C-alpha cells in the first residue's frame, strides 16, 4: 500500500474541518506546525482518522490521535499502520 502523504492529509483536513488558519497548506511546509496553530482541534483529527479508517482501513486509537500535535507525527502514525497492514 502506498505511503499517505502530507498533501493527502491536508486534503482530508480540509474536507473534514475546513481550511487551515494563517497558513497556505498548498505552498507552506506545515509538517511541524502544531495542529492547534493550523486551526485544527482534536475533534478535527478524529474526523480525519474516522474517514481514513473507512477509506483505507487505518485503525488508530482515539487516545493516540488526540495526543498527536503535528502533521508529521500523525503521518508517521498513519504510515506505520499502513505498513503493518501490508505485511
N, C-alpha and C. Protein backbone atom coordinates (compact mmCIF):
# COMPACT_ATOMS: atom_id res chain seq x y z
N UNK A 1 0.84 -1.17 0.00
CA UNK A 1 0.00 0.00 0.00
C UNK A 1 0.89 1.23 0.00
N UNK A 2 0.52 2.25 -0.74
CA UNK A 2 1.37 3.44 -0.87
C UNK A 2 1.32 4.29 0.40
N UNK A 3 2.39 5.05 0.57
CA UNK A 3 2.50 5.93 1.72
C UNK A 3 1.49 7.06 1.64
N UNK A 4 0.90 7.38 2.77
CA UNK A 4 -0.03 8.50 2.87
C UNK A 4 0.80 9.77 2.97
N UNK A 5 0.50 10.78 2.17
CA UNK A 5 1.35 11.97 2.06
C UNK A 5 0.76 13.17 2.81
N UNK A 6 1.60 14.19 2.98
CA UNK A 6 1.16 15.44 3.60
C UNK A 6 0.04 16.07 2.77
N UNK A 7 0.16 16.03 1.45
CA UNK A 7 -0.90 16.59 0.61
C UNK A 7 -2.22 15.88 0.82
N UNK A 8 -2.18 14.56 0.93
CA UNK A 8 -3.41 13.80 1.18
C UNK A 8 -3.99 14.15 2.55
N UNK A 9 -3.13 14.29 3.54
CA UNK A 9 -3.59 14.63 4.88
C UNK A 9 -4.24 16.01 4.90
N UNK A 10 -3.61 16.99 4.28
CA UNK A 10 -4.19 18.34 4.29
C UNK A 10 -5.51 18.37 3.53
N UNK A 11 -5.62 17.58 2.48
CA UNK A 11 -6.89 17.50 1.75
C UNK A 11 -7.99 16.91 2.64
N UNK A 12 -7.67 15.86 3.38
CA UNK A 12 -8.65 15.26 4.29
C UNK A 12 -9.03 16.25 5.41
N UNK A 13 -8.05 17.00 5.90
CA UNK A 13 -8.35 18.00 6.93
C UNK A 13 -9.31 19.06 6.38
N UNK A 14 -9.08 19.50 5.16
CA UNK A 14 -9.99 20.47 4.52
C UNK A 14 -11.40 19.90 4.41
N UNK A 15 -11.49 18.65 3.93
CA UNK A 15 -12.79 18.02 3.75
C UNK A 15 -13.54 17.90 5.07
N UNK A 16 -12.84 17.56 6.12
CA UNK A 16 -13.48 17.29 7.41
C UNK A 16 -13.67 18.53 8.28
N UNK A 17 -12.75 19.49 8.17
CA UNK A 17 -12.77 20.60 9.13
C UNK A 17 -12.53 21.98 8.52
N UNK A 18 -12.43 22.08 7.22
CA UNK A 18 -12.24 23.38 6.60
C UNK A 18 -10.78 23.75 6.40
N UNK A 19 -10.57 24.97 5.94
CA UNK A 19 -9.23 25.47 5.63
C UNK A 19 -8.42 25.74 6.89
N UNK A 20 -7.12 25.59 6.77
CA UNK A 20 -6.20 25.92 7.86
C UNK A 20 -6.18 27.43 8.07
N UNK A 21 -5.88 27.84 9.30
CA UNK A 21 -5.77 29.25 9.62
C UNK A 21 -4.31 29.69 9.51
N UNK A 22 -4.09 30.87 8.96
CA UNK A 22 -2.76 31.51 8.92
C UNK A 22 -1.72 30.80 8.06
N UNK A 23 -2.08 29.76 7.36
CA UNK A 23 -1.14 29.02 6.53
C UNK A 23 -1.81 28.62 5.23
N UNK A 24 -1.03 28.61 4.17
CA UNK A 24 -1.49 28.05 2.91
C UNK A 24 -0.88 26.66 2.83
N UNK A 25 -1.66 25.66 3.15
CA UNK A 25 -1.11 24.30 3.23
C UNK A 25 -0.71 23.75 1.88
N UNK A 26 -1.09 24.44 0.81
CA UNK A 26 -0.67 24.02 -0.53
C UNK A 26 0.76 24.45 -0.83
N UNK A 27 1.21 25.53 -0.22
CA UNK A 27 2.56 26.04 -0.51
C UNK A 27 3.48 26.06 0.72
N UNK A 28 2.94 26.19 1.91
CA UNK A 28 3.77 26.21 3.12
C UNK A 28 4.05 24.79 3.59
N UNK A 29 5.25 24.57 4.11
CA UNK A 29 5.55 23.28 4.71
C UNK A 29 5.02 23.31 6.14
N UNK A 30 3.91 22.63 6.36
CA UNK A 30 3.26 22.64 7.67
C UNK A 30 3.52 21.36 8.45
N UNK A 31 4.48 20.58 8.03
CA UNK A 31 4.75 19.29 8.66
C UNK A 31 4.93 19.37 10.17
N UNK A 32 5.61 20.43 10.62
CA UNK A 32 5.92 20.55 12.04
C UNK A 32 5.17 21.68 12.73
N UNK A 33 4.15 22.20 12.08
CA UNK A 33 3.31 23.24 12.67
C UNK A 33 2.24 22.55 13.52
N UNK A 34 2.11 22.93 14.79
CA UNK A 34 1.10 22.29 15.64
C UNK A 34 -0.31 22.43 15.03
N UNK A 35 -1.09 21.37 15.16
CA UNK A 35 -2.45 21.38 14.63
C UNK A 35 -3.25 22.56 15.18
N UNK A 36 -3.09 22.87 16.46
CA UNK A 36 -3.84 23.98 17.03
C UNK A 36 -3.50 25.30 16.35
N UNK A 37 -2.24 25.48 15.98
CA UNK A 37 -1.83 26.69 15.27
C UNK A 37 -2.43 26.73 13.86
N UNK A 38 -2.66 25.56 13.29
CA UNK A 38 -3.29 25.47 11.98
C UNK A 38 -4.81 25.66 12.07
N UNK A 39 -5.34 25.60 13.29
CA UNK A 39 -6.77 25.77 13.48
C UNK A 39 -7.54 24.46 13.54
N UNK A 40 -6.83 23.36 13.76
CA UNK A 40 -7.47 22.05 13.85
C UNK A 40 -7.37 21.51 15.27
N UNK A 41 -8.51 21.16 15.84
CA UNK A 41 -8.51 20.60 17.19
C UNK A 41 -8.60 19.08 17.14
N UNK A 42 -8.68 18.47 18.30
CA UNK A 42 -8.70 17.01 18.36
C UNK A 42 -9.93 16.42 17.67
N UNK A 43 -11.05 17.12 17.69
CA UNK A 43 -12.25 16.63 17.01
C UNK A 43 -12.00 16.54 15.50
N UNK A 44 -11.33 17.53 14.93
CA UNK A 44 -11.00 17.51 13.50
C UNK A 44 -10.11 16.30 13.18
N UNK A 45 -9.14 16.04 14.04
CA UNK A 45 -8.25 14.89 13.82
C UNK A 45 -9.00 13.57 13.91
N UNK A 46 -9.92 13.48 14.86
CA UNK A 46 -10.73 12.26 14.98
C UNK A 46 -11.62 12.06 13.76
N UNK A 47 -12.14 13.15 13.21
CA UNK A 47 -12.94 13.05 12.00
C UNK A 47 -12.09 12.53 10.84
N UNK A 48 -10.90 13.06 10.70
CA UNK A 48 -10.00 12.63 9.63
C UNK A 48 -9.65 11.15 9.78
N UNK A 49 -9.30 10.75 10.98
CA UNK A 49 -8.92 9.34 11.15
C UNK A 49 -10.11 8.41 11.00
N UNK A 50 -11.32 8.89 11.29
CA UNK A 50 -12.52 8.10 11.03
C UNK A 50 -12.71 7.87 9.54
N UNK A 51 -12.47 8.91 8.75
CA UNK A 51 -12.56 8.78 7.29
C UNK A 51 -11.48 7.83 6.78
N UNK A 52 -10.27 7.95 7.30
CA UNK A 52 -9.18 7.07 6.87
C UNK A 52 -9.45 5.61 7.24
N UNK A 53 -10.13 5.41 8.34
CA UNK A 53 -10.48 4.04 8.71
C UNK A 53 -11.44 3.45 7.68
N UNK A 54 -12.44 4.23 7.28
CA UNK A 54 -13.40 3.75 6.29
C UNK A 54 -12.78 3.58 4.91
N UNK A 55 -11.96 4.55 4.51
CA UNK A 55 -11.42 4.54 3.15
C UNK A 55 -10.20 3.64 2.96
N UNK A 56 -9.34 3.57 3.98
CA UNK A 56 -8.07 2.86 3.80
C UNK A 56 -7.78 1.80 4.85
N UNK A 57 -8.72 1.62 5.78
CA UNK A 57 -8.53 0.60 6.81
C UNK A 57 -7.53 0.97 7.89
N UNK A 58 -7.20 2.25 8.02
CA UNK A 58 -6.26 2.71 9.04
C UNK A 58 -6.97 2.72 10.38
N UNK A 59 -6.42 1.99 11.34
CA UNK A 59 -7.04 1.93 12.66
C UNK A 59 -6.09 2.51 13.69
N UNK A 60 -6.47 3.68 14.22
CA UNK A 60 -5.69 4.35 15.25
C UNK A 60 -6.60 4.57 16.45
N UNK A 61 -6.06 4.42 17.64
CA UNK A 61 -6.89 4.64 18.83
C UNK A 61 -7.14 6.13 19.01
N UNK A 62 -8.29 6.45 19.56
CA UNK A 62 -8.63 7.85 19.81
C UNK A 62 -7.59 8.51 20.71
N UNK A 63 -7.10 7.79 21.71
CA UNK A 63 -6.10 8.35 22.62
C UNK A 63 -4.82 8.72 21.89
N UNK A 64 -4.39 7.87 20.95
CA UNK A 64 -3.19 8.18 20.15
C UNK A 64 -3.41 9.44 19.33
N UNK A 65 -4.55 9.51 18.68
CA UNK A 65 -4.85 10.63 17.78
C UNK A 65 -4.95 11.93 18.56
N UNK A 66 -5.62 11.91 19.69
CA UNK A 66 -5.79 13.13 20.49
C UNK A 66 -4.44 13.66 20.97
N UNK A 67 -3.48 12.77 21.21
CA UNK A 67 -2.17 13.18 21.70
C UNK A 67 -1.22 13.69 20.63
N UNK A 68 -1.60 13.56 19.37
CA UNK A 68 -0.71 13.95 18.27
C UNK A 68 -0.74 15.48 18.11
N UNK A 69 0.43 16.08 17.90
CA UNK A 69 0.50 17.54 17.85
C UNK A 69 0.76 18.13 16.47
N UNK A 70 1.40 17.36 15.58
CA UNK A 70 1.77 17.92 14.28
C UNK A 70 1.39 16.98 13.14
N UNK A 71 1.26 17.52 11.93
CA UNK A 71 1.00 16.66 10.78
C UNK A 71 2.06 15.57 10.61
N UNK A 72 3.33 15.90 10.83
CA UNK A 72 4.39 14.90 10.68
C UNK A 72 4.15 13.71 11.61
N UNK A 73 3.80 13.99 12.86
CA UNK A 73 3.56 12.91 13.83
C UNK A 73 2.35 12.08 13.42
N UNK A 74 1.29 12.72 12.94
CA UNK A 74 0.11 11.96 12.52
C UNK A 74 0.42 11.13 11.28
N UNK A 75 1.17 11.69 10.35
CA UNK A 75 1.56 10.93 9.16
C UNK A 75 2.38 9.70 9.53
N UNK A 76 3.27 9.83 10.49
CA UNK A 76 4.07 8.69 10.93
C UNK A 76 3.17 7.59 11.48
N UNK A 77 2.17 7.98 12.28
CA UNK A 77 1.24 7.00 12.83
C UNK A 77 0.44 6.32 11.72
N UNK A 78 -0.06 7.11 10.79
CA UNK A 78 -0.86 6.57 9.69
C UNK A 78 -0.02 5.61 8.85
N UNK A 79 1.17 6.04 8.47
CA UNK A 79 2.01 5.20 7.60
C UNK A 79 2.53 3.97 8.29
N UNK A 80 2.78 4.04 9.59
CA UNK A 80 3.16 2.85 10.34
C UNK A 80 2.01 1.84 10.32
N UNK A 81 0.80 2.33 10.51
CA UNK A 81 -0.37 1.46 10.47
C UNK A 81 -0.54 0.84 9.09
N UNK A 82 -0.35 1.63 8.04
CA UNK A 82 -0.48 1.12 6.67
C UNK A 82 0.58 0.06 6.38
N UNK A 83 1.80 0.27 6.85
CA UNK A 83 2.87 -0.70 6.58
C UNK A 83 2.63 -2.00 7.35
N UNK A 84 2.10 -1.92 8.55
CA UNK A 84 1.78 -3.12 9.31
C UNK A 84 0.67 -3.90 8.62
N UNK A 85 -0.33 -3.20 8.09
CA UNK A 85 -1.42 -3.85 7.39
C UNK A 85 -0.94 -4.55 6.11
N UNK A 86 0.10 -4.00 5.49
CA UNK A 86 0.61 -4.56 4.24
C UNK A 86 1.34 -5.88 4.45
N UNK A 87 1.78 -6.14 5.68
CA UNK A 87 2.54 -7.38 5.96
C UNK A 87 1.69 -8.60 5.90
